[in-house]
Amino acid sequence: QMLLEAAKRARPGAELKSIIETYLSPEHCGSASEGCPVAALASEVARHPRPVRLRFDKAIRDHARRFLKYLPGSTEAEKMRHFAVLFSGMAGVLSVARAVADDGMRQRILQGAKEFYIRSFCP
């Protein structure tokens, strides 16, 4: 919900940039209990039986459908590939940033990833 709101507040054409900036913000990083469940739970879900992982798959696909319109690509398949790379990468970044104790390292992780993903995915 927070990411869709960020997209709605953005100027036309800057929705994905706003999503990336919001997801990789220090505020989102600091709110693990209210933030992205993928970043918080993915490694735990991986240890569960297939039926649990299938429900996780469905949640990821549903999440992707809400964001496809903001992703680059000329086909749905291309947009889905971009979603897979961007959102799994950002979830990993967020998970690591939340785990480190050093505030400076946390900020470098978030800022470096934010710059990389904006440069890679935003026009």
PDB file of N, CA and C in Angstrom:
ATOM      1  N   GLN A   1       0.823  -1.199   0.000  1.00  0.00           N
ATOM      2  CA  GLN A   1       0.000   0.000   0.000  1.00  0.00           C
ATOM      3  C   GLN A   1       0.863   1.259   0.000  1.00  0.00           C
ATOM      4  N   MET A   2       1.887   1.290   0.846  1.00  0.00           N
ATOM      5  CA  MET A   2       2.769   2.444   0.945  1.00  0.00           C
ATOM      6  C   MET A   2       3.417   2.750  -0.408  1.00  0.00           C
ATOM      7  N   LEU A   3       3.784   1.711  -1.150  1.00  0.00           N
ATOM      8  CA  LEU A   3       4.449   1.920  -2.432  1.00  0.00           C
ATOM      9  C   LEU A   3       3.482   2.429  -3.488  1.00  0.00           C
ATOM     10  N   LEU A   4       2.259   1.930  -3.471  1.00  0.00           N
ATOM     11  CA  LEU A   4       1.261   2.436  -4.418  1.00  0.00           C
ATOM     12  C   LEU A   4       0.936   3.896  -4.129  1.00  0.00           C
ATOM     13  N   GLU A   5       0.905   4.267  -2.871  1.00  0.00           N
ATOM     14  CA  GLU A   5       0.686   5.668  -2.510  1.00  0.00           C
ATOM     15  C   GLU A   5       1.839   6.537  -2.995  1.00  0.00           C
ATOM     16  N   ALA A   6       3.066   6.031  -2.893  1.00  0.00           N
ATOM     17  CA  ALA A   6       4.230   6.770  -3.395  1.00  0.00           C
ATOM     18  C   ALA A   6       4.111   6.978  -4.896  1.00  0.00           C
ATOM     19  N   ALA A   7       3.648   5.965  -5.609  1.00  0.00           N
ATOM     20  CA  ALA A   7       3.474   6.086  -7.054  1.00  0.00           C
ATOM     21  C   ALA A   7       2.402   7.118  -7.391  1.00  0.00           C
ATOM     22  N   LYS A   8       1.318   7.136  -6.637  1.00  0.00           N
ATOM     23  CA  LYS A   8       0.233   8.095  -6.892  1.00  0.00           C
ATOM     24  C   LYS A   8       0.673   9.531  -6.644  1.00  0.00           C
ATOM     25  N   ARG A   9       1.569   9.730  -5.677  1.00  0.00           N
ATOM     26  CA  ARG A   9       2.052  11.081  -5.366  1.00  0.00           C
ATOM     27  C   ARG A   9       3.081  11.586  -6.378  1.00  0.00           C
ATOM     28  N   ALA A  10       3.688  10.675  -7.112  1.00  0.00           N
ATOM     29  CA  ALA A  10       4.763  11.043  -8.037  1.00  0.00           C
ATOM     30  C   ALA A  10       4.209  11.737  -9.272  1.00  0.00           C
ATOM     31  N   ARG A  11       5.059  12.531  -9.882  1.00  0.00           N
ATOM     32  CA  ARG A  11       4.665  13.141 -11.155  1.00  0.00           C
ATOM     33  C   ARG A  11       4.613  12.040 -12.218  1.00  0.00           C
ATOM     34  N   PRO A  12       3.816  12.216 -13.254  1.00  0.00           N
ATOM     35  CA  PRO A  12       3.717  11.199 -14.306  1.00  0.00           C
ATOM     36  C   PRO A  12       5.098  10.877 -14.890  1.00  0.00           C
ATOM     37  N   GLY A  13       5.386   9.595 -14.997  1.00  0.00           N
ATOM     38  CA  GLY A  13       6.672   9.148 -15.511  1.00  0.00           C
ATOM     39  C   GLY A  13       7.714   8.909 -14.427  1.00  0.00           C
ATOM     40  N   ALA A  14       7.454   9.378 -13.219  1.00  0.00           N
ATOM     41  CA  ALA A  14       8.419   9.214 -12.120  1.00  0.00           C
ATOM     42  C   ALA A  14       7.902   8.254 -11.045  1.00  0.00           C
ATOM     43  N   GLU A  15       6.874   7.498 -11.371  1.00  0.00           N
ATOM     44  CA  GLU A  15       6.268   6.609 -10.376  1.00  0.00           C
ATOM     45  C   GLU A  15       7.249   5.546  -9.874  1.00  0.00           C
ATOM     46  N   LEU A  16       7.961   4.900 -10.798  1.00  0.00           N
ATOM     47  CA  LEU A  16       8.875   3.840 -10.382  1.00  0.00           C
ATOM     48  C   LEU A  16      10.016   4.402  -9.538  1.00  0.00           C
ATOM     49  N   LYS A  17      10.516   5.552  -9.894  1.00  0.00           N
ATOM     50  CA  LYS A  17      11.568   6.202  -9.098  1.00  0.00           C
ATOM     51  C   LYS A  17      11.066   6.447  -7.676  1.00  0.00           C
ATOM     52  N   SER A  18       9.854   6.913  -7.559  1.00  0.00           N
ATOM     53  CA  SER A  18       9.269   7.162  -6.244  1.00  0.00           C
ATOM     54  C   SER A  18       9.096   5.862  -5.455  1.00  0.00           C
ATOM     55  N   ILE A  19       8.702   4.798  -6.123  1.00  0.00           N
ATOM     56  CA  ILE A  19       8.560   3.492  -5.473  1.00  0.00           C
ATOM     57  C   ILE A  19       9.913   3.025  -4.933  1.00  0.00           C
ATOM     58  N   ILE A  20      10.944   3.128  -5.755  1.00  0.00           N
ATOM     59  CA  ILE A  20      12.289   2.703  -5.342  1.00  0.00           C
ATOM     60  C   ILE A  20      12.773   3.538  -4.164  1.00  0.00           C
ATOM     61  N   GLU A  21      12.611   4.846  -4.262  1.00  0.00           N
ATOM     62  CA  GLU A  21      13.061   5.731  -3.180  1.00  0.00           C
ATOM     63  C   GLU A  21      12.326   5.439  -1.871  1.00  0.00           C
ATOM     64  N   THR A  22      11.051   5.154  -1.965  1.00  0.00           N
ATOM     65  CA  THR A  22      10.258   4.865  -0.767  1.00  0.00           C
ATOM     66  C   THR A  22      10.639   3.514  -0.166  1.00  0.00           C
ATOM     67  N   TYR A  23      10.761   2.507  -1.018  1.00  0.00           N
ATOM     68  CA  TYR A  23      11.077   1.161  -0.532  1.00  0.00           C
ATOM     69  C   TYR A  23      12.444   1.120   0.139  1.00  0.00           C
ATOM     70  N   LEU A  24      13.417   1.810  -0.443  1.00  0.00           N
ATOM     71  CA  LEU A  24      14.784   1.789   0.085  1.00  0.00           C
ATOM     72  C   LEU A  24      15.082   2.993   0.970  1.00  0.00           C
ATOM     73  N   SER A  25      14.060   3.565   1.552  1.00  0.00           N
ATOM     74  CA  SER A  25      14.249   4.716   2.441  1.00  0.00           C
ATOM     75  C   SER A  25      14.654   4.250   3.839  1.00  0.00           C
ATOM     76  N   PRO A  26      15.367   5.100   4.575  1.00  0.00           N
ATOM     77  CA  PRO A  26      15.697   4.766   5.965  1.00  0.00           C
ATOM     78  C   PRO A  26      14.442   4.513   6.809  1.00  0.00           C
ATOM     79  N   GLU A  27      13.368   5.225   6.520  1.00  0.00           N
ATOM     80  CA  GLU A  27      12.123   5.051   7.274  1.00  0.00           C
ATOM     81  C   GLU A  27      11.549   3.648   7.080  1.00  0.00           C
ATOM     82  N   HIS A  28      11.501   3.193   5.832  1.00  0.00           N
ATOM     83  CA  HIS A  28      10.983   1.855   5.561  1.00  0.00           C
ATOM     84  C   HIS A  28      11.911   0.803   6.159  1.00  0.00           C
ATOM     85  N   CYS A  29      13.196   1.035   6.045  1.00  0.00           N
ATOM     86  CA  CYS A  29      14.173   0.107   6.620  1.00  0.00           C
ATOM     87  C   CYS A  29      13.985  -0.008   8.129  1.00  0.00           C
ATOM     88  N   GLY A  30      13.673   1.088   8.769  1.00  0.00           N
ATOM     89  CA  GLY A  30      13.536   1.101  10.217  1.00  0.00           C
ATOM     90  C   GLY A  30      12.225   0.561  10.741  1.00  0.00           C
ATOM     91  N   SER A  31      11.292   0.262   9.853  1.00  0.00           N
ATOM     92  CA  SER A  31       9.983  -0.218  10.318  1.00  0.00           C
ATOM     93  C   SER A  31       9.749  -1.661   9.867  1.00  0.00           C
ATOM     94  N   ALA A  32      10.592  -2.551  10.331  1.00  0.00           N
ATOM     95  CA  ALA A  32      10.510  -3.957   9.913  1.00  0.00           C
ATOM     96  C   ALA A  32       9.158  -4.585  10.227  1.00  0.00           C
ATOM     97  N   SER A  33       8.551  -4.210  11.339  1.00  0.00           N
ATOM     98  CA  SER A  33       7.275  -4.827  11.710  1.00  0.00           C
ATOM     99  C   SER A  33       6.120  -4.343  10.842  1.00  0.00           C
ATOM    100  N   GLU A  34       6.265  -3.193  10.209  1.00  0.00           N
ATOM    101  CA  GLU A  34       5.199  -2.648   9.367  1.00  0.00           C
ATOM    102  C   GLU A  34       5.585  -2.610   7.893  1.00  0.00           C
ATOM    103  N   GLY A  35       6.814  -2.960   7.585  1.00  0.00           N
ATOM    104  CA  GLY A  35       7.312  -2.853   6.219  1.00  0.00           C
ATOM    105  C   GLY A  35       7.046  -4.094   5.392  1.00  0.00           C
ATOM    106  N   CYS A  36       7.887  -4.282   4.414  1.00  0.00           N
ATOM    107  CA  CYS A  36       7.734  -5.343   3.425  1.00  0.00           C
ATOM    108  C   CYS A  36       7.841  -6.738   4.047  1.00  0.00           C
ATOM    109  N   PRO A  37       6.789  -7.539   3.932  1.00  0.00           N
ATOM    110  CA  PRO A  37       6.846  -8.893   4.481  1.00  0.00           C
ATOM    111  C   PRO A  37       7.812  -9.792   3.712  1.00  0.00           C
ATOM    112  N   VAL A  38       8.056  -9.499   2.436  1.00  0.00           N
ATOM    113  CA  VAL A  38       8.996 -10.314   1.664  1.00  0.00           C
ATOM    114  C   VAL A  38      10.393 -10.192   2.260  1.00  0.00           C
ATOM    115  N   ALA A  39      10.831  -8.960   2.526  1.00  0.00           N
ATOM    116  CA  ALA A  39      12.157  -8.756   3.111  1.00  0.00           C
ATOM    117  C   ALA A  39      12.257  -9.396   4.488  1.00  0.00           C
ATOM    118  N   ALA A  40      11.172  -9.382   5.216  1.00  0.00           N
ATOM    119  CA  ALA A  40      11.188  -9.921   6.576  1.00  0.00           C
ATOM    120  C   ALA A  40      11.055 -11.442   6.621  1.00  0.00           C
ATOM    121  N   LEU A  41      10.348 -12.038   5.663  1.00  0.00           N
ATOM    122  CA  LEU A  41       9.967 -13.444   5.799  1.00  0.00           C
ATOM    123  C   LEU A  41      10.494 -14.401   4.739  1.00  0.00           C
ATOM    124  N   ALA A  42      11.078 -13.910   3.659  1.00  0.00           N
ATOM    125  CA  ALA A  42      11.440 -14.790   2.540  1.00  0.00           C
ATOM    126  C   ALA A  42      12.339 -15.947   2.962  1.00  0.00           C
ATOM    127  N   SER A  43      13.366 -15.669   3.742  1.00  0.00           N
ATOM    128  CA  SER A  43      14.272 -16.757   4.132  1.00  0.00           C
ATOM    129  C   SER A  43      13.567 -17.773   5.033  1.00  0.00           C
ATOM    130  N   GLU A  44      12.607 -17.320   5.800  1.00  0.00           N
ATOM    131  CA  GLU A  44      11.841 -18.235   6.652  1.00  0.00           C
ATOM    132  C   GLU A  44      10.852 -19.059   5.819  1.00  0.00           C
ATOM    133  N   VAL A  45      10.179 -18.426   4.867  1.00  0.00           N
ATOM    134  CA  VAL A  45       9.221 -19.133   4.008  1.00  0.00           C
ATOM    135  C   VAL A  45       9.932 -20.236   3.230  1.00  0.00           C
ATOM    136  N   ALA A  46      11.172 -20.001   2.833  1.00  0.00           N
ATOM    137  CA  ALA A  46      11.934 -20.988   2.064  1.00  0.00           C
ATOM    138  C   ALA A  46      12.094 -22.309   2.809  1.00  0.00           C
ATOM    139  N   ARG A  47      12.003 -22.286   4.105  1.00  0.00           N
ATOM    140  CA  ARG A  47      12.158 -23.498   4.926  1.00  0.00           C
ATOM    141  C   ARG A  47      10.843 -24.258   5.119  1.00  0.00           C
ATOM    142  N   HIS A  48       9.752 -23.702   4.647  1.00  0.00           N
ATOM    143  CA  HIS A  48       8.436 -24.312   4.865  1.00  0.00           C
ATOM    144  C   HIS A  48       8.064 -25.259   3.722  1.00  0.00           C
ATOM    145  N   PRO A  49       7.055 -26.090   3.940  1.00  0.00           N
ATOM    146  CA  PRO A  49       6.611 -27.030   2.908  1.00  0.00           C
ATOM    147  C   PRO A  49       6.062 -26.308   1.673  1.00  0.00           C
ATOM    148  N   ARG A  50       6.010 -27.050   0.609  1.00  0.00           N
ATOM    149  CA  ARG A  50       5.579 -26.524  -0.685  1.00  0.00           C
ATOM    150  C   ARG A  50       4.252 -25.761  -0.625  1.00  0.00           C
ATOM    151  N   PRO A  51       3.216 -26.240   0.064  1.00  0.00           N
ATOM    152  CA  PRO A  51       1.955 -25.490   0.093  1.00  0.00           C
ATOM    153  C   PRO A  51       2.122 -24.060   0.625  1.00  0.00           C
ATOM    154  N   VAL A  52       2.970 -23.882   1.601  1.00  0.00           N
ATOM    155  CA  VAL A  52       3.225 -22.536   2.134  1.00  0.00           C
ATOM    156  C   VAL A  52       3.934 -21.694   1.078  1.00  0.00           C
ATOM    157  N   ARG A  53       4.922 -22.290   0.412  1.00  0.00           N
ATOM    158  CA  ARG A  53       5.665 -21.549  -0.612  1.00  0.00           C
ATOM    159  C   ARG A  53       4.775 -21.212  -1.807  1.00  0.00           C
ATOM    160  N   LEU A  54       3.813 -22.077  -2.122  1.00  0.00           N
ATOM    161  CA  LEU A  54       2.879 -21.779  -3.215  1.00  0.00           C
ATOM    162  C   LEU A  54       2.006 -20.571  -2.876  1.00  0.00           C
ATOM    163  N   ARG A  55       1.603 -20.440  -1.624  1.00  0.00           N
ATOM    164  CA  ARG A  55       0.841 -19.248  -1.215  1.00  0.00           C
ATOM    165  C   ARG A  55       1.716 -17.999  -1.319  1.00  0.00           C
ATOM    166  N   PHE A  56       2.985 -18.139  -0.973  1.00  0.00           N
ATOM    167  CA  PHE A  56       3.937 -17.036  -1.108  1.00  0.00           C
ATOM    168  C   PHE A  56       4.070 -16.652  -2.587  1.00  0.00           C
ATOM    169  N   ASP A  57       4.166 -17.661  -3.472  1.00  0.00           N
ATOM    170  CA  ASP A  57       4.227 -17.406  -4.918  1.00  0.00           C
ATOM    171  C   ASP A  57       3.042 -16.564  -5.375  1.00  0.00           C
ATOM    172  N   LYS A  58       1.858 -16.957  -4.935  1.00  0.00           N
ATOM    173  CA  LYS A  58       0.651 -16.222  -5.330  1.00  0.00           C
ATOM    174  C   LYS A  58       0.711 -14.779  -4.848  1.00  0.00           C
ATOM    175  N   ALA A  59       1.161 -14.572  -3.626  1.00  0.00           N
ATOM    176  CA  ALA A  59       1.269 -13.209  -3.094  1.00  0.00           C
ATOM    177  C   ALA A  59       2.247 -12.377  -3.920  1.00  0.00           C
ATOM    178  N   ILE A  60       3.349 -12.979  -4.346  1.00  0.00           N
ATOM    179  CA  ILE A  60       4.332 -12.263  -5.174  1.00  0.00           C
ATOM    180  C   ILE A  60       3.719 -11.927  -6.534  1.00  0.00           C
ATOM    181  N   ARG A  61       3.027 -12.874  -7.143  1.00  0.00           N
ATOM    182  CA  ARG A  61       2.384 -12.597  -8.440  1.00  0.00           C
ATOM    183  C   ARG A  61       1.340 -11.490  -8.312  1.00  0.00           C
ATOM    184  N   ASP A  62       0.550 -11.525  -7.256  1.00  0.00           N
ATOM    185  CA  ASP A  62      -0.448 -10.470  -7.030  1.00  0.00           C
ATOM    186  C   ASP A  62       0.231  -9.115  -6.860  1.00  0.00           C
ATOM    187  N   HIS A  63       1.319  -9.104  -6.121  1.00  0.00           N
ATOM    188  CA  HIS A  63       2.094  -7.876  -5.911  1.00  0.00           C
ATOM    189  C   HIS A  63       2.623  -7.367  -7.257  1.00  0.00           C
ATOM    190  N   ALA A  64       3.137  -8.273  -8.067  1.00  0.00           N
ATOM    191  CA  ALA A  64       3.680  -7.894  -9.376  1.00  0.00           C
ATOM    192  C   ALA A  64       2.607  -7.237 -10.236  1.00  0.00           C
ATOM    193  N   ARG A  65       1.427  -7.801 -10.253  1.00  0.00           N
ATOM    194  CA  ARG A  65       0.352  -7.253 -11.088  1.00  0.00           C
ATOM    195  C   ARG A  65       0.015  -5.809 -10.725  1.00  0.00           C
ATOM    196  N   ARG A  66       0.140  -5.474  -9.459  1.00  0.00           N
ATOM    197  CA  ARG A  66      -0.149  -4.098  -9.036  1.00  0.00           C
ATOM    198  C   ARG A  66       0.910  -3.114  -9.524  1.00  0.00           C
ATOM    199  N   PHE A  67       2.115  -3.597  -9.803  1.00  0.00           N
ATOM    200  CA  PHE A  67       3.215  -2.700 -10.142  1.00  0.00           C
ATOM    201  C   PHE A  67       3.651  -2.751 -11.598  1.00  0.00           C
ATOM    202  N   LEU A  68       3.137  -3.689 -12.379  1.00  0.00           N
ATOM    203  CA  LEU A  68       3.599  -3.840 -13.758  1.00  0.00           C
ATOM    204  C   LEU A  68       3.488  -2.558 -14.564  1.00  0.00           C
ATOM    205  N   LYS A  69       2.448  -1.789 -14.344  1.00  0.00           N
ATOM    206  CA  LYS A  69       2.250  -0.585 -15.156  1.00  0.00           C
ATOM    207  C   LYS A  69       3.359   0.441 -14.955  1.00  0.00           C
ATOM    208  N   TYR A  70       4.120   0.334 -13.886  1.00  0.00           N
ATOM    209  CA  TYR A  70       5.194   1.287 -13.620  1.00  0.00           C
ATOM    210  C   TYR A  70       6.555   0.813 -14.118  1.00  0.00           C
ATOM    211  N   LEU A  71       6.638  -0.436 -14.553  1.00  0.00           N
ATOM    212  CA  LEU A  71       7.928  -1.017 -14.934  1.00  0.00           C
ATOM    213  C   LEU A  71       8.212  -0.853 -16.415  1.00  0.00           C
ATOM    214  N   PRO A  72       9.494  -0.725 -16.774  1.00  0.00           N
ATOM    215  CA  PRO A  72       9.838  -0.627 -18.189  1.00  0.00           C
ATOM    216  C   PRO A  72       9.637  -1.976 -18.871  1.00  0.00           C
ATOM    217  N   GLY A  73       9.396  -1.922 -20.161  1.00  0.00           N
ATOM    218  CA  GLY A  73       9.230  -3.132 -20.954  1.00  0.00           C
ATOM    219  C   GLY A  73       8.068  -2.978 -21.909  1.00  0.00           C
ATOM    220  N   SER A  74       8.179  -3.650 -23.042  1.00  0.00           N
ATOM    221  CA  SER A  74       7.128  -3.525 -24.053  1.00  0.00           C
ATOM    222  C   SER A  74       6.123  -4.669 -23.993  1.00  0.00           C
ATOM    223  N   THR A  75       6.450  -5.732 -23.272  1.00  0.00           N
ATOM    224  CA  THR A  75       5.521  -6.850 -23.123  1.00  0.00           C
ATOM    225  C   THR A  75       5.342  -7.162 -21.635  1.00  0.00           C
ATOM    226  N   GLU A  76       4.282  -7.881 -21.333  1.00  0.00           N
ATOM    227  CA  GLU A  76       4.059  -8.272 -19.942  1.00  0.00           C
ATOM    228  C   GLU A  76       5.188  -9.169 -19.445  1.00  0.00           C
ATOM    229  N   ALA A  77       5.673 -10.062 -20.310  1.00  0.00           N
ATOM    230  CA  ALA A  77       6.767 -10.954 -19.911  1.00  0.00           C
ATOM    231  C   ALA A  77       8.026 -10.158 -19.570  1.00  0.00           C
ATOM    232  N   GLU A  78       8.322  -9.155 -20.362  1.00  0.00           N
ATOM    233  CA  GLU A  78       9.498  -8.320 -20.089  1.00  0.00           C
ATOM    234  C   GLU A  78       9.325  -7.549 -18.781  1.00  0.00           C
ATOM    235  N   LYS A  79       8.136  -7.019 -18.570  1.00  0.00           N
ATOM    236  CA  LYS A  79       7.863  -6.298 -17.324  1.00  0.00           C
ATOM    237  C   LYS A  79       7.952  -7.235 -16.123  1.00  0.00           C
ATOM    238  N   MET A  80       7.483  -8.477 -16.273  1.00  0.00           N
ATOM    239  CA  MET A  80       7.577  -9.456 -15.183  1.00  0.00           C
ATOM    240  C   MET A  80       9.034  -9.792 -14.870  1.00  0.00           C
ATOM    241  N   ARG A  81       9.875  -9.900 -15.901  1.00  0.00           N
ATOM    242  CA  ARG A  81      11.305 -10.141 -15.663  1.00  0.00           C
ATOM    243  C   ARG A  81      11.913  -8.981 -14.895  1.00  0.00           C
ATOM    244  N   HIS A  82      11.571  -7.766 -15.295  1.00  0.00           N
ATOM    245  CA  HIS A  82      12.080  -6.590 -14.584  1.00  0.00           C
ATOM    246  C   HIS A  82      11.574  -6.565 -13.143  1.00  0.00           C
ATOM    247  N   PHE A  83      10.313  -6.907 -12.955  1.00  0.00           N
ATOM    248  CA  PHE A  83       9.771  -6.962 -11.597  1.00  0.00           C
ATOM    249  C   PHE A  83      10.557  -7.964 -10.754  1.00  0.00           C
ATOM    250  N   ALA A  84      10.792  -9.147 -11.309  1.00  0.00           N
ATOM    251  CA  ALA A  84      11.493 -10.195 -10.562  1.00  0.00           C
ATOM    252  C   ALA A  84      12.870  -9.724 -10.112  1.00  0.00           C
ATOM    253  N   VAL A  85      13.597  -9.090 -10.999  1.00  0.00           N
ATOM    254  CA  VAL A  85      14.939  -8.603 -10.659  1.00  0.00           C
ATOM    255  C   VAL A  85      14.863  -7.457  -9.662  1.00  0.00           C
ATOM    256  N   LEU A  86      14.028  -6.471  -9.943  1.00  0.00           N
ATOM    257  CA  LEU A  86      13.971  -5.272  -9.112  1.00  0.00           C
ATOM    258  C   LEU A  86      13.448  -5.570  -7.708  1.00  0.00           C
ATOM    259  N   PHE A  87      12.314  -6.206  -7.608  1.00  0.00           N
ATOM    260  CA  PHE A  87      11.702  -6.376  -6.293  1.00  0.00           C
ATOM    261  C   PHE A  87      12.401  -7.443  -5.446  1.00  0.00           C
ATOM    262  N   SER A  88      12.896  -8.508  -6.059  1.00  0.00           N
ATOM    263  CA  SER A  88      13.659  -9.468  -5.251  1.00  0.00           C
ATOM    264  C   SER A  88      14.978  -8.845  -4.819  1.00  0.00           C
ATOM    265  N   GLY A  89      15.598  -8.066  -5.698  1.00  0.00           N
ATOM    266  CA  GLY A  89      16.836  -7.381  -5.323  1.00  0.00           C
ATOM    267  C   GLY A  89      16.621  -6.371  -4.214  1.00  0.00           C
ATOM    268  N   MET A  90      15.573  -5.571  -4.329  1.00  0.00           N
ATOM    269  CA  MET A  90      15.313  -4.573  -3.290  1.00  0.00           C
ATOM    270  C   MET A  90      14.965  -5.235  -1.957  1.00  0.00           C
ATOM    271  N   ALA A  91      14.241  -6.350  -2.003  1.00  0.00           N
ATOM    272  CA  ALA A  91      13.920  -7.057  -0.756  1.00  0.00           C
ATOM    273  C   ALA A  91      15.193  -7.581  -0.101  1.00  0.00           C
ATOM    274  N   GLY A  92      16.122  -8.079  -0.903  1.00  0.00           N
ATOM    275  CA  GLY A  92      17.398  -8.535  -0.362  1.00  0.00           C
ATOM    276  C   GLY A  92      18.194  -7.396   0.246  1.00  0.00           C
ATOM    277  N   VAL A  93      18.234  -6.273  -0.453  1.00  0.00           N
ATOM    278  CA  VAL A  93      18.924  -5.087   0.062  1.00  0.00           C
ATOM    279  C   VAL A  93      18.319  -4.672   1.399  1.00  0.00           C
ATOM    280  N   LEU A  94      17.006  -4.605   1.447  1.00  0.00           N
ATOM    281  CA  LEU A  94      16.332  -4.179   2.671  1.00  0.00           C
ATOM    282  C   LEU A  94      16.609  -5.152   3.817  1.00  0.00           C
ATOM    283  N   SER A  95      16.592  -6.429   3.518  1.00  0.00           N
ATOM    284  CA  SER A  95      16.854  -7.442   4.534  1.00  0.00           C
ATOM    285  C   SER A  95      18.260  -7.291   5.117  1.00  0.00           C
ATOM    286  N   VAL A  96      19.252  -7.106   4.263  1.00  0.00           N
ATOM    287  CA  VAL A  96      20.629  -6.932   4.735  1.00  0.00           C
ATOM    288  C   VAL A  96      20.778  -5.613   5.486  1.00  0.00           C
ATOM    289  N   ALA A  97      20.202  -4.543   4.949  1.00  0.00           N
ATOM    290  CA  ALA A  97      20.306  -3.234   5.611  1.00  0.00           C
ATOM    291  C   ALA A  97      19.687  -3.278   7.005  1.00  0.00           C
ATOM    292  N   ARG A  98      18.611  -4.012   7.158  1.00  0.00           N
ATOM    293  CA  ARG A  98      17.983  -4.133   8.479  1.00  0.00           C
ATOM    294  C   ARG A  98      18.845  -4.946   9.441  1.00  0.00           C
ATOM    295  N   ALA A  99      19.640  -5.850   8.903  1.00  0.00           N
ATOM    296  CA  ALA A  99      20.425  -6.750   9.750  1.00  0.00           C
ATOM    297  C   ALA A  99      21.720  -6.134  10.266  1.00  0.00           C
ATOM    298  N   VAL A 100      22.293  -5.181   9.527  1.00  0.00           N
ATOM    299  CA  VAL A 100      23.586  -4.639   9.966  1.00  0.00           C
ATOM    300  C   VAL A 100      23.404  -3.707  11.158  1.00  0.00           C
ATOM    301  N   ALA A 101      24.386  -3.714  12.037  1.00  0.00           N
ATOM    302  CA  ALA A 101      24.323  -2.884  13.244  1.00  0.00           C
ATOM    303  C   ALA A 101      24.843  -1.472  13.003  1.00  0.00           C
ATOM    304  N   ASP A 102      25.750  -1.317  12.046  1.00  0.00           N
ATOM    305  CA  ASP A 102      26.396  -0.036  11.795  1.00  0.00           C
ATOM    306  C   ASP A 102      25.488   0.871  10.951  1.00  0.00           C
ATOM    307  N   ASP A 103      25.101   2.014  11.514  1.00  0.00           N
ATOM    308  CA  ASP A 103      24.202   2.939  10.808  1.00  0.00           C
ATOM    309  C   ASP A 103      24.797   3.441   9.501  1.00  0.00           C
ATOM    310  N   GLY A 104      26.088   3.734   9.497  1.00  0.00           N
ATOM    311  CA  GLY A 104      26.738   4.210   8.277  1.00  0.00           C
ATOM    312  C   GLY A 104      26.695   3.172   7.177  1.00  0.00           C
ATOM    313  N   MET A 105      26.959   1.931   7.534  1.00  0.00           N
ATOM    314  CA  MET A 105      26.893   0.851   6.554  1.00  0.00           C
ATOM    315  C   MET A 105      25.472   0.705   6.032  1.00  0.00           C
ATOM    316  N   ARG A 106      24.505   0.787   6.912  1.00  0.00           N
ATOM    317  CA  ARG A 106      23.096   0.685   6.511  1.00  0.00           C
ATOM    318  C   ARG A 106      22.763   1.766   5.482  1.00  0.00           C
ATOM    319  N   GLN A 107      23.173   2.985   5.753  1.00  0.00           N
ATOM    320  CA  GLN A 107      22.891   4.094   4.835  1.00  0.00           C
ATOM    321  C   GLN A 107      23.579   3.882   3.490  1.00  0.00           C
ATOM    322  N   ARG A 108      24.819   3.395   3.497  1.00  0.00           N
ATOM    323  CA  ARG A 108      25.540   3.145   2.237  1.00  0.00           C
ATOM    324  C   ARG A 108      24.859   2.047   1.429  1.00  0.00           C
ATOM    325  N   ILE A 109      24.404   1.016   2.105  1.00  0.00           N
ATOM    326  CA  ILE A 109      23.698  -0.073   1.421  1.00  0.00           C
ATOM    327  C   ILE A 109      22.433   0.463   0.754  1.00  0.00           C
ATOM    328  N   LEU A 110      21.628   1.185   1.506  1.00  0.00           N
ATOM    329  CA  LEU A 110      20.367   1.716   0.971  1.00  0.00           C
ATOM    330  C   LEU A 110      20.615   2.711  -0.155  1.00  0.00           C
ATOM    331  N   GLN A 111      21.531   3.646   0.053  1.00  0.00           N
ATOM    332  CA  GLN A 111      21.776   4.685  -0.945  1.00  0.00           C
ATOM    333  C   GLN A 111      22.378   4.105  -2.221  1.00  0.00           C
ATOM    334  N   GLY A 112      23.343   3.201  -2.074  1.00  0.00           N
ATOM    335  CA  GLY A 112      23.955   2.587  -3.254  1.00  0.00           C
ATOM    336  C   GLY A 112      22.951   1.805  -4.075  1.00  0.00           C
ATOM    337  N   ALA A 113      22.112   1.043  -3.404  1.00  0.00           N
ATOM    338  CA  ALA A 113      21.090   0.263  -4.113  1.00  0.00           C
ATOM    339  C   ALA A 113      20.067   1.176  -4.771  1.00  0.00           C
ATOM    340  N   LYS A 114      19.664   2.208  -4.056  1.00  0.00           N
ATOM    341  CA  LYS A 114      18.686   3.157  -4.601  1.00  0.00           C
ATOM    342  C   LYS A 114      19.225   3.764  -5.902  1.00  0.00           C
ATOM    343  N   GLU A 115      20.456   4.237  -5.871  1.00  0.00           N
ATOM    344  CA  GLU A 115      21.060   4.832  -7.069  1.00  0.00           C
ATOM    345  C   GLU A 115      21.161   3.811  -8.196  1.00  0.00           C
ATOM    346  N   PHE A 116      21.577   2.594  -7.877  1.00  0.00           N
ATOM    347  CA  PHE A 116      21.716   1.552  -8.886  1.00  0.00           C
ATOM    348  C   PHE A 116      20.378   1.228  -9.548  1.00  0.00           C
ATOM    349  N   TYR A 117      19.350   1.002  -8.744  1.00  0.00           N
ATOM    350  CA  TYR A 117      18.058   0.620  -9.309  1.00  0.00           C
ATOM    351  C   TYR A 117      17.406   1.763 -10.083  1.00  0.00           C
ATOM    352  N   ILE A 118      17.558   2.974  -9.632  1.00  0.00           N
ATOM    353  CA  ILE A 118      17.005   4.111 -10.381  1.00  0.00           C
ATOM    354  C   ILE A 118      17.722   4.238 -11.721  1.00  0.00           C
ATOM    355  N   ARG A 119      19.040   4.141 -11.704  1.00  0.00           N
ATOM    356  CA  ARG A 119      19.818   4.232 -12.940  1.00  0.00           C
ATOM    357  C   ARG A 119      19.466   3.082 -13.889  1.00  0.00           C
ATOM    358  N   SER A 120      19.217   1.903 -13.349  1.00  0.00           N
ATOM    359  CA  SER A 120      18.961   0.722 -14.172  1.00  0.00           C
ATOM    360  C   SER A 120      17.540   0.622 -14.709  1.00  0.00           C
ATOM    361  N   PHE A 121      16.558   1.132 -13.962  1.00  0.00           N
ATOM    362  CA  PHE A 121      15.163   0.888 -14.327  1.00  0.00           C
ATOM    363  C   PHE A 121      14.345   2.127 -14.666  1.00  0.00           C
ATOM    364  N   CYS A 122      14.843   3.303 -14.350  1.00  0.00           N
ATOM    365  CA  CYS A 122      14.043   4.512 -14.569  1.00  0.00           C
ATOM    366  C   CYS A 122      14.585   5.300 -15.756  1.00  0.00           C
ATOM    367  N   PRO A 123      13.685   5.785 -16.607  1.00  0.00           N
ATOM    368  CA  PRO A 123      14.137   6.558 -17.781  1.00  0.00           C
ATOM    369  C   PRO A 123      14.769   7.884 -17.394  1.00  0.00           C
TER     370      PRO A 123
END
